[in-house]
Amino acid sequence: MDMLTPEIVPGLLAKGASTRVESDIVGRFKKGDQIIVRNINPTGHTRLPQYLRGKRGIVERDHGVFIFPDTNAHGQGEKPQHCYSVRFSNAELWGREGSPKDSCMVDVFDDYMDLQ
């Protein structure tokens, strides 16, 4: 996929596009792994929600390998890596305001996480 520019956005929206790539890259995590999201504050584009930084969750699913949006958006290469669905308890994310009965699933890239 070429670097995203304003000129190509209408075409991508019209036909759709996937950033999934075929790759032999081995994922760093597996279902059931307990992770912690890195507390990083990159400049520019990131797909890491601020409310996840420093929070603990459990990997529920490996979606496969995708172009890493942070580097791709800045013209620094595709840096393919795995993306996972991670379950966070609402109490972990929102403290006492979070319902202890509920959780939130968020897709998180390899580069954003470490094992607990």
PDB file of N, CA and C in Angstrom:
ATOM      1  N   MET A   1       0.850  -1.178   0.000  1.00  0.00           N
ATOM      2  CA  MET A   1       0.000   0.000   0.000  1.00  0.00           C
ATOM      3  C   MET A   1       0.890   1.234   0.000  1.00  0.00           C
ATOM      4  N   ASP A   2       0.548   2.196  -0.861  1.00  0.00           N
ATOM      5  CA  ASP A   2       1.288   3.453  -0.915  1.00  0.00           C
ATOM      6  C   ASP A   2       0.992   4.287   0.322  1.00  0.00           C
ATOM      7  N   MET A   3       1.870   5.268   0.557  1.00  0.00           N
ATOM      8  CA  MET A   3       1.635   6.193   1.658  1.00  0.00           C
ATOM      9  C   MET A   3       0.305   6.908   1.430  1.00  0.00           C
ATOM     10  N   LEU A   4      -0.463   7.053   2.481  1.00  0.00           N
ATOM     11  CA  LEU A   4      -1.773   7.678   2.391  1.00  0.00           C
ATOM     12  C   LEU A   4      -1.629   9.173   2.143  1.00  0.00           C
ATOM     13  N   THR A   5      -2.206   9.622   1.053  1.00  0.00           N
ATOM     14  CA  THR A   5      -2.216  11.041   0.720  1.00  0.00           C
ATOM     15  C   THR A   5      -3.660  11.467   0.473  1.00  0.00           C
ATOM     16  N   PRO A   6      -3.957  12.753   0.593  1.00  0.00           N
ATOM     17  CA  PRO A   6      -5.340  13.209   0.386  1.00  0.00           C
ATOM     18  C   PRO A   6      -5.909  12.813  -0.976  1.00  0.00           C
ATOM     19  N   GLU A   7      -5.044  12.733  -1.982  1.00  0.00           N
ATOM     20  CA  GLU A   7      -5.525  12.440  -3.334  1.00  0.00           C
ATOM     21  C   GLU A   7      -6.073  11.017  -3.480  1.00  0.00           C
ATOM     22  N   ILE A   8      -5.558  10.074  -2.709  1.00  0.00           N
ATOM     23  CA  ILE A   8      -6.003   8.690  -2.888  1.00  0.00           C
ATOM     24  C   ILE A   8      -7.118   8.286  -1.925  1.00  0.00           C
ATOM     25  N   VAL A   9      -7.441   9.133  -0.944  1.00  0.00           N
ATOM     26  CA  VAL A   9      -8.474   8.792   0.037  1.00  0.00           C
ATOM     27  C   VAL A   9      -9.823   8.495  -0.610  1.00  0.00           C
ATOM     28  N   PRO A  10     -10.348   9.319  -1.531  1.00  0.00           N
ATOM     29  CA  PRO A  10     -11.660   9.010  -2.112  1.00  0.00           C
ATOM     30  C   PRO A  10     -11.708   7.629  -2.781  1.00  0.00           C
ATOM     31  N   GLY A  11     -10.664   7.271  -3.485  1.00  0.00           N
ATOM     32  CA  GLY A  11     -10.631   5.961  -4.133  1.00  0.00           C
ATOM     33  C   GLY A  11     -10.610   4.815  -3.140  1.00  0.00           C
ATOM     34  N   LEU A  12      -9.842   4.972  -2.074  1.00  0.00           N
ATOM     35  CA  LEU A  12      -9.790   3.932  -1.047  1.00  0.00           C
ATOM     36  C   LEU A  12     -11.134   3.769  -0.355  1.00  0.00           C
ATOM     37  N   LEU A  13     -11.781   4.883  -0.071  1.00  0.00           N
ATOM     38  CA  LEU A  13     -13.082   4.813   0.577  1.00  0.00           C
ATOM     39  C   LEU A  13     -14.121   4.178  -0.340  1.00  0.00           C
ATOM     40  N   ALA A  14     -14.032   4.440  -1.623  1.00  0.00           N
ATOM     41  CA  ALA A  14     -14.997   3.902  -2.581  1.00  0.00           C
ATOM     42  C   ALA A  14     -14.866   2.397  -2.742  1.00  0.00           C
ATOM     43  N   LYS A  15     -13.637   1.887  -2.796  1.00  0.00           N
ATOM     44  CA  LYS A  15     -13.451   0.449  -3.044  1.00  0.00           C
ATOM     45  C   LYS A  15     -13.057  -0.329  -1.802  1.00  0.00           C
ATOM     46  N   GLY A  16     -12.647   0.364  -0.751  1.00  0.00           N
ATOM     47  CA  GLY A  16     -12.195  -0.322   0.455  1.00  0.00           C
ATOM     48  C   GLY A  16     -10.749  -0.757   0.299  1.00  0.00           C
ATOM     49  N   ALA A  17     -10.088  -0.956   1.393  1.00  0.00           N
ATOM     50  CA  ALA A  17      -8.705  -1.396   1.356  1.00  0.00           C
ATOM     51  C   ALA A  17      -8.385  -2.089   2.671  1.00  0.00           C
ATOM     52  N   SER A  18      -7.540  -3.071   2.599  1.00  0.00           N
ATOM     53  CA  SER A  18      -7.108  -3.776   3.793  1.00  0.00           C
ATOM     54  C   SER A  18      -5.619  -3.557   3.991  1.00  0.00           C
ATOM     55  N   THR A  19      -5.217  -3.469   5.224  1.00  0.00           N
ATOM     56  CA  THR A  19      -3.797  -3.350   5.518  1.00  0.00           C
ATOM     57  C   THR A  19      -3.227  -4.692   5.992  1.00  0.00           C
ATOM     58  N   ARG A  20      -4.002  -5.764   5.834  1.00  0.00           N
ATOM     59  CA  ARG A  20      -3.518  -7.114   6.170  1.00  0.00           C
ATOM     60  C   ARG A  20      -2.427  -7.490   5.176  1.00  0.00           C
ATOM     61  N   VAL A  21      -1.377  -8.149   5.666  1.00  0.00           N
ATOM     62  CA  VAL A  21      -0.298  -8.611   4.796  1.00  0.00           C
ATOM     63  C   VAL A  21      -0.025 -10.083   5.070  1.00  0.00           C
ATOM     64  N   GLU A  22       0.385 -10.789   4.023  1.00  0.00           N
ATOM     65  CA  GLU A  22       0.804 -12.184   4.173  1.00  0.00           C
ATOM     66  C   GLU A  22       2.235 -12.167   4.679  1.00  0.00           C
ATOM     67  N   SER A  23       2.473 -12.820   5.801  1.00  0.00           N
ATOM     68  CA  SER A  23       3.800 -12.768   6.393  1.00  0.00           C
ATOM     69  C   SER A  23       4.014 -13.963   7.318  1.00  0.00           C
ATOM     70  N   ASP A  24       5.280 -14.365   7.456  1.00  0.00           N
ATOM     71  CA  ASP A  24       5.664 -15.433   8.376  1.00  0.00           C
ATOM     72  C   ASP A  24       6.050 -14.889   9.752  1.00  0.00           C
ATOM     73  N   ILE A  25       5.808 -13.608   9.985  1.00  0.00           N
ATOM     74  CA  ILE A  25       6.170 -12.998  11.270  1.00  0.00           C
ATOM     75  C   ILE A  25       5.429 -13.732  12.393  1.00  0.00           C
ATOM     76  N   VAL A  26       6.179 -14.138  13.401  1.00  0.00           N
ATOM     77  CA  VAL A  26       5.605 -14.839  14.541  1.00  0.00           C
ATOM     78  C   VAL A  26       5.092 -13.815  15.540  1.00  0.00           C
ATOM     79  N   GLY A  27       3.874 -14.017  16.014  1.00  0.00           N
ATOM     80  CA  GLY A  27       3.303 -13.118  17.005  1.00  0.00           C
ATOM     81  C   GLY A  27       4.009 -13.236  18.344  1.00  0.00           C
ATOM     82  N   ARG A  28       4.099 -12.154  19.052  1.00  0.00           N
ATOM     83  CA  ARG A  28       4.740 -12.139  20.368  1.00  0.00           C
ATOM     84  C   ARG A  28       3.811 -12.650  21.457  1.00  0.00           C
ATOM     85  N   PHE A  29       2.512 -12.688  21.183  1.00  0.00           N
ATOM     86  CA  PHE A  29       1.530 -13.038  22.195  1.00  0.00           C
ATOM     87  C   PHE A  29       0.595 -14.124  21.672  1.00  0.00           C
ATOM     88  N   LYS A  30      -0.066 -14.810  22.620  1.00  0.00           N
ATOM     89  CA  LYS A  30      -1.050 -15.831  22.259  1.00  0.00           C
ATOM     90  C   LYS A  30      -2.281 -15.654  23.146  1.00  0.00           C
ATOM     91  N   LYS A  31      -3.360 -16.297  22.758  1.00  0.00           N
ATOM     92  CA  LYS A  31      -4.598 -16.205  23.520  1.00  0.00           C
ATOM     93  C   LYS A  31      -4.336 -16.581  24.978  1.00  0.00           C
ATOM     94  N   GLY A  32      -4.845 -15.758  25.881  1.00  0.00           N
ATOM     95  CA  GLY A  32      -4.691 -15.995  27.311  1.00  0.00           C
ATOM     96  C   GLY A  32      -3.524 -15.262  27.949  1.00  0.00           C
ATOM     97  N   ASP A  33      -2.603 -14.731  27.134  1.00  0.00           N
ATOM     98  CA  ASP A  33      -1.476 -13.981  27.693  1.00  0.00           C
ATOM     99  C   ASP A  33      -1.978 -12.732  28.406  1.00  0.00           C
ATOM    100  N   GLN A  34      -1.407 -12.480  29.581  1.00  0.00           N
ATOM    101  CA  GLN A  34      -1.698 -11.255  30.307  1.00  0.00           C
ATOM    102  C   GLN A  34      -0.681 -10.211  29.881  1.00  0.00           C
ATOM    103  N   ILE A  35      -1.190  -9.093  29.413  1.00  0.00           N
ATOM    104  CA  ILE A  35      -0.308  -8.044  28.868  1.00  0.00           C
ATOM    105  C   ILE A  35      -0.484  -6.745  29.638  1.00  0.00           C
ATOM    106  N   ILE A  36       0.464  -5.865  29.432  1.00  0.00           N
ATOM    107  CA  ILE A  36       0.334  -4.483  29.890  1.00  0.00           C
ATOM    108  C   ILE A  36       0.627  -3.598  28.685  1.00  0.00           C
ATOM    109  N   VAL A  37      -0.199  -2.603  28.500  1.00  0.00           N
ATOM    110  CA  VAL A  37      -0.008  -1.677  27.390  1.00  0.00           C
ATOM    111  C   VAL A  37       1.091  -0.690  27.784  1.00  0.00           C
ATOM    112  N   ARG A  38       2.000  -0.480  26.879  1.00  0.00           N
ATOM    113  CA  ARG A  38       3.104   0.451  27.138  1.00  0.00           C
ATOM    114  C   ARG A  38       2.576   1.861  27.350  1.00  0.00           C
ATOM    115  N   ASN A  39       3.163   2.561  28.282  1.00  0.00           N
ATOM    116  CA  ASN A  39       2.774   3.940  28.544  1.00  0.00           C
ATOM    117  C   ASN A  39       3.695   4.848  27.738  1.00  0.00           C
ATOM    118  N   ILE A  40       3.392   4.940  26.447  1.00  0.00           N
ATOM    119  CA  ILE A  40       4.208   5.735  25.530  1.00  0.00           C
ATOM    120  C   ILE A  40       3.384   6.904  25.014  1.00  0.00           C
ATOM    121  N   ASN A  41       4.066   7.944  24.600  1.00  0.00           N
ATOM    122  CA  ASN A  41       3.408   9.137  24.089  1.00  0.00           C
ATOM    123  C   ASN A  41       4.090   9.582  22.805  1.00  0.00           C
ATOM    124  N   PRO A  42       3.865   8.826  21.719  1.00  0.00           N
ATOM    125  CA  PRO A  42       4.525   9.179  20.462  1.00  0.00           C
ATOM    126  C   PRO A  42       4.009  10.499  19.904  1.00  0.00           C
ATOM    127  N   THR A  43       4.880  11.181  19.171  1.00  0.00           N
ATOM    128  CA  THR A  43       4.436  12.396  18.492  1.00  0.00           C
ATOM    129  C   THR A  43       3.817  11.985  17.168  1.00  0.00           C
ATOM    130  N   GLY A  44       2.862  12.729  16.712  1.00  0.00           N
ATOM    131  CA  GLY A  44       2.212  12.420  15.442  1.00  0.00           C
ATOM    132  C   GLY A  44       1.178  11.325  15.584  1.00  0.00           C
ATOM    133  N   HIS A  45       0.907  10.662  14.472  1.00  0.00           N
ATOM    134  CA  HIS A  45      -0.149   9.660  14.385  1.00  0.00           C
ATOM    135  C   HIS A  45       0.148   8.420  15.221  1.00  0.00           C
ATOM    136  N   THR A  46      -0.858   7.963  15.965  1.00  0.00           N
ATOM    137  CA  THR A  46      -0.794   6.665  16.646  1.00  0.00           C
ATOM    138  C   THR A  46      -2.204   6.102  16.731  1.00  0.00           C
ATOM    139  N   ARG A  47      -2.293   4.779  16.721  1.00  0.00           N
ATOM    140  CA  ARG A  47      -3.577   4.113  16.915  1.00  0.00           C
ATOM    141  C   ARG A  47      -3.703   3.605  18.346  1.00  0.00           C
ATOM    142  N   LEU A  48      -2.807   4.031  19.220  1.00  0.00           N
ATOM    143  CA  LEU A  48      -2.855   3.615  20.619  1.00  0.00           C
ATOM    144  C   LEU A  48      -3.710   4.598  21.414  1.00  0.00           C
ATOM    145  N   PRO A  49      -4.907   4.168  21.840  1.00  0.00           N
ATOM    146  CA  PRO A  49      -5.749   5.070  22.624  1.00  0.00           C
ATOM    147  C   PRO A  49      -5.083   5.433  23.948  1.00  0.00           C
ATOM    148  N   GLN A  50      -5.173   6.679  24.308  1.00  0.00           N
ATOM    149  CA  GLN A  50      -4.530   7.142  25.533  1.00  0.00           C
ATOM    150  C   GLN A  50      -5.094   6.437  26.759  1.00  0.00           C
ATOM    151  N   TYR A  51      -6.384   6.125  26.756  1.00  0.00           N
ATOM    152  CA  TYR A  51      -6.989   5.498  27.933  1.00  0.00           C
ATOM    153  C   TYR A  51      -6.485   4.077  28.187  1.00  0.00           C
ATOM    154  N   LEU A  52      -5.762   3.468  27.220  1.00  0.00           N
ATOM    155  CA  LEU A  52      -5.211   2.125  27.414  1.00  0.00           C
ATOM    156  C   LEU A  52      -3.808   2.133  28.006  1.00  0.00           C
ATOM    157  N   ARG A  53      -3.121   3.240  27.930  1.00  0.00           N
ATOM    158  CA  ARG A  53      -1.702   3.300  28.314  1.00  0.00           C
ATOM    159  C   ARG A  53      -1.508   2.966  29.791  1.00  0.00           C
ATOM    160  N   GLY A  54      -0.643   1.957  30.024  1.00  0.00           N
ATOM    161  CA  GLY A  54      -0.369   1.503  31.375  1.00  0.00           C
ATOM    162  C   GLY A  54      -1.393   0.522  31.930  1.00  0.00           C
ATOM    163  N   LYS A  55      -2.387   0.140  31.129  1.00  0.00           N
ATOM    164  CA  LYS A  55      -3.455  -0.750  31.593  1.00  0.00           C
ATOM    165  C   LYS A  55      -3.129  -2.209  31.276  1.00  0.00           C
ATOM    166  N   ARG A  56      -3.714  -3.103  32.083  1.00  0.00           N
ATOM    167  CA  ARG A  56      -3.500  -4.547  31.947  1.00  0.00           C
ATOM    168  C   ARG A  56      -4.718  -5.200  31.305  1.00  0.00           C
ATOM    169  N   GLY A  57      -4.446  -6.169  30.423  1.00  0.00           N
ATOM    170  CA  GLY A  57      -5.523  -6.883  29.764  1.00  0.00           C
ATOM    171  C   GLY A  57      -5.115  -8.301  29.428  1.00  0.00           C
ATOM    172  N   ILE A  58      -6.022  -9.028  28.783  1.00  0.00           N
ATOM    173  CA  ILE A  58      -5.789 -10.418  28.402  1.00  0.00           C
ATOM    174  C   ILE A  58      -6.029 -10.556  26.904  1.00  0.00           C
ATOM    175  N   VAL A  59      -5.072 -11.162  26.205  1.00  0.00           N
ATOM    176  CA  VAL A  59      -5.200 -11.387  24.767  1.00  0.00           C
ATOM    177  C   VAL A  59      -6.295 -12.418  24.534  1.00  0.00           C
ATOM    178  N   GLU A  60      -7.263 -12.062  23.696  1.00  0.00           N
ATOM    179  CA  GLU A  60      -8.376 -12.953  23.364  1.00  0.00           C
ATOM    180  C   GLU A  60      -8.246 -13.549  21.969  1.00  0.00           C
ATOM    181  N   ARG A  61      -7.601 -12.814  21.046  1.00  0.00           N
ATOM    182  CA  ARG A  61      -7.533 -13.283  19.661  1.00  0.00           C
ATOM    183  C   ARG A  61      -6.388 -12.608  18.928  1.00  0.00           C
ATOM    184  N   ASP A  62      -5.746 -13.375  18.053  1.00  0.00           N
ATOM    185  CA  ASP A  62      -4.715 -12.839  17.158  1.00  0.00           C
ATOM    186  C   ASP A  62      -5.370 -12.673  15.792  1.00  0.00           C
ATOM    187  N   HIS A  63      -5.441 -11.442  15.306  1.00  0.00           N
ATOM    188  CA  HIS A  63      -6.071 -11.166  14.011  1.00  0.00           C
ATOM    189  C   HIS A  63      -5.149 -11.435  12.831  1.00  0.00           C
ATOM    190  N   GLY A  64      -3.854 -11.625  13.079  1.00  0.00           N
ATOM    191  CA  GLY A  64      -2.895 -11.804  11.996  1.00  0.00           C
ATOM    192  C   GLY A  64      -2.005 -10.588  11.855  1.00  0.00           C
ATOM    193  N   VAL A  65      -1.329 -10.513  10.705  1.00  0.00           N
ATOM    194  CA  VAL A  65      -0.316  -9.477  10.484  1.00  0.00           C
ATOM    195  C   VAL A  65      -0.881  -8.350   9.624  1.00  0.00           C
ATOM    196  N   PHE A  66      -0.596  -7.127  10.051  1.00  0.00           N
ATOM    197  CA  PHE A  66      -1.073  -5.925   9.375  1.00  0.00           C
ATOM    198  C   PHE A  66       0.061  -4.904   9.299  1.00  0.00           C
ATOM    199  N   ILE A  67      -0.088  -3.974   8.376  1.00  0.00           N
ATOM    200  CA  ILE A  67       0.825  -2.829   8.310  1.00  0.00           C
ATOM    201  C   ILE A  67       0.627  -2.028   9.589  1.00  0.00           C
ATOM    202  N   PHE A  68       1.738  -1.639  10.214  1.00  0.00           N
ATOM    203  CA  PHE A  68       1.669  -0.851  11.446  1.00  0.00           C
ATOM    204  C   PHE A  68       1.343   0.595  11.084  1.00  0.00           C
ATOM    205  N   PRO A  69       0.196   1.097  11.492  1.00  0.00           N
ATOM    206  CA  PRO A  69      -0.238   2.425  11.043  1.00  0.00           C
ATOM    207  C   PRO A  69       0.655   3.572  11.503  1.00  0.00           C
ATOM    208  N   ASP A  70       1.298   3.428  12.654  1.00  0.00           N
ATOM    209  CA  ASP A  70       2.110   4.533  13.180  1.00  0.00           C
ATOM    210  C   ASP A  70       3.287   4.855  12.265  1.00  0.00           C
ATOM    211  N   THR A  71       4.021   3.826  11.835  1.00  0.00           N
ATOM    212  CA  THR A  71       5.166   4.076  10.960  1.00  0.00           C
ATOM    213  C   THR A  71       4.713   4.365   9.532  1.00  0.00           C
ATOM    214  N   ASN A  72       3.676   3.673   9.090  1.00  0.00           N
ATOM    215  CA  ASN A  72       3.214   3.852   7.716  1.00  0.00           C
ATOM    216  C   ASN A  72       2.702   5.265   7.468  1.00  0.00           C
ATOM    217  N   ALA A  73       2.004   5.822   8.433  1.00  0.00           N
ATOM    218  CA  ALA A  73       1.453   7.173   8.281  1.00  0.00           C
ATOM    219  C   ALA A  73       2.539   8.237   8.184  1.00  0.00           C
ATOM    220  N   HIS A  74       3.722   7.946   8.712  1.00  0.00           N
ATOM    221  CA  HIS A  74       4.823   8.911   8.699  1.00  0.00           C
ATOM    222  C   HIS A  74       5.851   8.605   7.620  1.00  0.00           C
ATOM    223  N   GLY A  75       5.520   7.689   6.699  1.00  0.00           N
ATOM    224  CA  GLY A  75       6.436   7.356   5.618  1.00  0.00           C
ATOM    225  C   GLY A  75       7.684   6.632   6.088  1.00  0.00           C
ATOM    226  N   GLN A  76       7.599   5.929   7.229  1.00  0.00           N
ATOM    227  CA  GLN A  76       8.744   5.225   7.801  1.00  0.00           C
ATOM    228  C   GLN A  76       8.687   3.718   7.551  1.00  0.00           C
ATOM    229  N   GLY A  77       7.859   3.309   6.620  1.00  0.00           N
ATOM    230  CA  GLY A  77       7.782   1.887   6.284  1.00  0.00           C
ATOM    231  C   GLY A  77       6.568   1.210   6.886  1.00  0.00           C
ATOM    232  N   GLU A  78       6.289   0.030   6.360  1.00  0.00           N
ATOM    233  CA  GLU A  78       5.088  -0.697   6.767  1.00  0.00           C
ATOM    234  C   GLU A  78       5.218  -1.387   8.123  1.00  0.00           C
ATOM    235  N   LYS A  79       6.397  -1.825   8.514  1.00  0.00           N
ATOM    236  CA  LYS A  79       6.665  -2.497   9.789  1.00  0.00           C
ATOM    237  C   LYS A  79       5.552  -3.480  10.164  1.00  0.00           C
ATOM    238  N   PRO A  80       5.326  -4.505   9.315  1.00  0.00           N
ATOM    239  CA  PRO A  80       4.231  -5.449   9.582  1.00  0.00           C
ATOM    240  C   PRO A  80       4.354  -6.112  10.951  1.00  0.00           C
ATOM    241  N   GLN A  81       3.206  -6.286  11.609  1.00  0.00           N
ATOM    242  CA  GLN A  81       3.168  -6.933  12.914  1.00  0.00           C
ATOM    243  C   GLN A  81       1.757  -7.403  13.224  1.00  0.00           C
ATOM    244  N   HIS A  82       1.667  -8.248  14.246  1.00  0.00           N
ATOM    245  CA  HIS A  82       0.373  -8.801  14.639  1.00  0.00           C
ATOM    246  C   HIS A  82      -0.474  -7.749  15.343  1.00  0.00           C
ATOM    247  N   CYS A  83      -1.779  -7.936  15.187  1.00  0.00           N
ATOM    248  CA  CYS A  83      -2.762  -7.115  15.886  1.00  0.00           C
ATOM    249  C   CYS A  83      -3.675  -8.084  16.641  1.00  0.00           C
ATOM    250  N   TYR A  84      -3.975  -7.770  17.882  1.00  0.00           N
ATOM    251  CA  TYR A  84      -4.719  -8.664  18.758  1.00  0.00           C
ATOM    252  C   TYR A  84      -5.961  -7.981  19.323  1.00  0.00           C
ATOM    253  N   SER A  85      -7.002  -8.782  19.600  1.00  0.00           N
ATOM    254  CA  SER A  85      -8.106  -8.303  20.420  1.00  0.00           C
ATOM    255  C   SER A  85      -7.722  -8.558  21.865  1.00  0.00           C
ATOM    256  N   VAL A  86      -7.749  -7.513  22.654  1.00  0.00           N
ATOM    257  CA  VAL A  86      -7.379  -7.611  24.069  1.00  0.00           C
ATOM    258  C   VAL A  86      -8.582  -7.200  24.907  1.00  0.00           C
ATOM    259  N   ARG A  87      -8.862  -8.022  25.914  1.00  0.00           N
ATOM    260  CA  ARG A  87      -9.980  -7.732  26.831  1.00  0.00           C
ATOM    261  C   ARG A  87      -9.444  -6.989  28.060  1.00  0.00           C
ATOM    262  N   PHE A  88     -10.084  -5.866  28.352  1.00  0.00           N
ATOM    263  CA  PHE A  88      -9.765  -5.070  29.538  1.00  0.00           C
ATOM    264  C   PHE A  88     -11.011  -5.018  30.415  1.00  0.00           C
ATOM    265  N   SER A  89     -10.842  -5.239  31.705  1.00  0.00           N
ATOM    266  CA  SER A  89     -11.997  -5.076  32.590  1.00  0.00           C
ATOM    267  C   SER A  89     -12.336  -3.587  32.637  1.00  0.00           C
ATOM    268  N   ASN A  90     -13.627  -3.309  32.764  1.00  0.00           N
ATOM    269  CA  ASN A  90     -14.028  -1.907  32.854  1.00  0.00           C
ATOM    270  C   ASN A  90     -13.450  -1.251  34.102  1.00  0.00           C
ATOM    271  N   ALA A  91     -13.291  -2.026  35.167  1.00  0.00           N
ATOM    272  CA  ALA A  91     -12.689  -1.473  36.378  1.00  0.00           C
ATOM    273  C   ALA A  91     -11.234  -1.086  36.121  1.00  0.00           C
ATOM    274  N   GLU A  92     -10.511  -1.866  35.306  1.00  0.00           N
ATOM    275  CA  GLU A  92      -9.128  -1.523  34.969  1.00  0.00           C
ATOM    276  C   GLU A  92      -9.069  -0.216  34.184  1.00  0.00           C
ATOM    277  N   LEU A  93      -9.997  -0.053  33.264  1.00  0.00           N
ATOM    278  CA  LEU A  93      -9.983   1.144  32.416  1.00  0.00           C
ATOM    279  C   LEU A  93     -10.557   2.376  33.104  1.00  0.00           C
ATOM    280  N   TRP A  94     -11.631   2.201  33.854  1.00  0.00           N
ATOM    281  CA  TRP A  94     -12.376   3.356  34.350  1.00  0.00           C
ATOM    282  C   TRP A  94     -12.414   3.469  35.865  1.00  0.00           C
ATOM    283  N   GLY A  95     -11.699   2.576  36.570  1.00  0.00           N
ATOM    284  CA  GLY A  95     -11.678   2.642  38.031  1.00  0.00           C
ATOM    285  C   GLY A  95     -13.032   2.314  38.630  1.00  0.00           C
ATOM    286  N   ARG A  96     -13.386   2.997  39.696  1.00  0.00           N
ATOM    287  CA  ARG A  96     -14.660   2.728  40.391  1.00  0.00           C
ATOM    288  C   ARG A  96     -15.876   3.018  39.514  1.00  0.00           C
ATOM    289  N   GLU A  97     -15.684   3.840  38.492  1.00  0.00           N
ATOM    290  CA  GLU A  97     -16.797   4.167  37.590  1.00  0.00           C
ATOM    291  C   GLU A  97     -17.127   3.011  36.652  1.00  0.00           C
ATOM    292  N   GLY A  98     -16.198   2.075  36.469  1.00  0.00           N
ATOM    293  CA  GLY A  98     -16.393   0.962  35.555  1.00  0.00           C
ATOM    294  C   GLY A  98     -17.165  -0.167  36.199  1.00  0.00           C
ATOM    295  N   SER A  99     -18.154  -0.677  35.507  1.00  0.00           N
ATOM    296  CA  SER A  99     -18.939  -1.795  36.028  1.00  0.00           C
ATOM    297  C   SER A  99     -18.057  -3.030  36.178  1.00  0.00           C
ATOM    298  N   PRO A 100     -18.063  -3.661  37.347  1.00  0.00           N
ATOM    299  CA  PRO A 100     -17.246  -4.860  37.545  1.00  0.00           C
ATOM    300  C   PRO A 100     -17.742  -6.055  36.724  1.00  0.00           C
ATOM    301  N   LYS A 101     -18.961  -5.961  36.188  1.00  0.00           N
ATOM    302  CA  LYS A 101     -19.527  -7.055  35.394  1.00  0.00           C
ATOM    303  C   LYS A 101     -19.118  -6.980  33.927  1.00  0.00           C
ATOM    304  N   ASP A 102     -18.608  -5.843  33.472  1.00  0.00           N
ATOM    305  CA  ASP A 102     -18.375  -5.616  32.053  1.00  0.00           C
ATOM    306  C   ASP A 102     -16.899  -5.513  31.711  1.00  0.00           C
ATOM    307  N   SER A 103     -16.625  -5.663  30.424  1.00  0.00           N
ATOM    308  CA  SER A 103     -15.259  -5.514  29.920  1.00  0.00           C
ATOM    309  C   SER A 103     -15.318  -4.849  28.559  1.00  0.00           C
ATOM    310  N   CYS A 104     -14.162  -4.494  28.062  1.00  0.00           N
ATOM    311  CA  CYS A 104     -14.042  -3.793  26.786  1.00  0.00           C
ATOM    312  C   CYS A 104     -12.989  -4.501  25.947  1.00  0.00           C
ATOM    313  N   MET A 105     -13.306  -4.798  24.684  1.00  0.00           N
ATOM    314  CA  MET A 105     -12.354  -5.413  23.759  1.00  0.00           C
ATOM    315  C   MET A 105     -11.793  -4.327  22.855  1.00  0.00           C
ATOM    316  N   VAL A 106     -10.453  -4.284  22.738  1.00  0.00           N
ATOM    317  CA  VAL A 106      -9.792  -3.287  21.911  1.00  0.00           C
ATOM    318  C   VAL A 106      -8.715  -3.990  21.085  1.00  0.00           C
ATOM    319  N   ASP A 107      -8.597  -3.628  19.807  1.00  0.00           N
ATOM    320  CA  ASP A 107      -7.538  -4.166  18.959  1.00  0.00           C
ATOM    321  C   ASP A 107      -6.252  -3.401  19.230  1.00  0.00           C
ATOM    322  N   VAL A 108      -5.172  -4.168  19.518  1.00  0.00           N
ATOM    323  CA  VAL A 108      -3.910  -3.583  19.952  1.00  0.00           C
ATOM    324  C   VAL A 108      -2.761  -4.231  19.182  1.00  0.00           C
ATOM    325  N   PHE A 109      -1.842  -3.425  18.654  1.00  0.00           N
ATOM    326  CA  PHE A 109      -0.680  -3.926  17.909  1.00  0.00           C
ATOM    327  C   PHE A 109       0.433  -4.397  18.845  1.00  0.00           C
ATOM    328  N   ASP A 110       1.283  -5.322  18.316  1.00  0.00           N
ATOM    329  CA  ASP A 110       2.454  -5.843  19.034  1.00  0.00           C
ATOM    330  C   ASP A 110       3.266  -4.741  19.712  1.00  0.00           C
ATOM    331  N   ASP A 111       3.598  -3.709  18.969  1.00  0.00           N
ATOM    332  CA  ASP A 111       4.496  -2.663  19.478  1.00  0.00           C
ATOM    333  C   ASP A 111       3.937  -1.897  20.667  1.00  0.00           C
ATOM    334  N   TYR A 112       2.655  -2.034  20.929  1.00  0.00           N
ATOM    335  CA  TYR A 112       2.046  -1.311  22.032  1.00  0.00           C
ATOM    336  C   TYR A 112       2.041  -2.092  23.340  1.00  0.00           C
ATOM    337  N   MET A 113       2.465  -3.379  23.324  1.00  0.00           N
ATOM    338  CA  MET A 113       2.262  -4.237  24.490  1.00  0.00           C
ATOM    339  C   MET A 113       3.537  -4.934  24.960  1.00  0.00           C
ATOM    340  N   ASP A 114       3.506  -5.332  26.216  1.00  0.00           N
ATOM    341  CA  ASP A 114       4.508  -6.200  26.820  1.00  0.00           C
ATOM    342  C   ASP A 114       3.782  -7.239  27.653  1.00  0.00           C
ATOM    343  N   LEU A 115       4.435  -8.390  27.892  1.00  0.00           N
ATOM    344  CA  LEU A 115       3.882  -9.368  28.822  1.00  0.00           C
ATOM    345  C   LEU A 115       3.959  -8.805  30.226  1.00  0.00           C
ATOM    346  N   GLN A 116       2.974  -9.165  31.053  1.00  0.00           N
ATOM    347  CA  GLN A 116       3.000  -8.737  32.468  1.00  0.00           C
ATOM    348  C   GLN A 116       4.064  -9.502  33.214  1.00  0.00           C
TER     349      GLN A 116
END
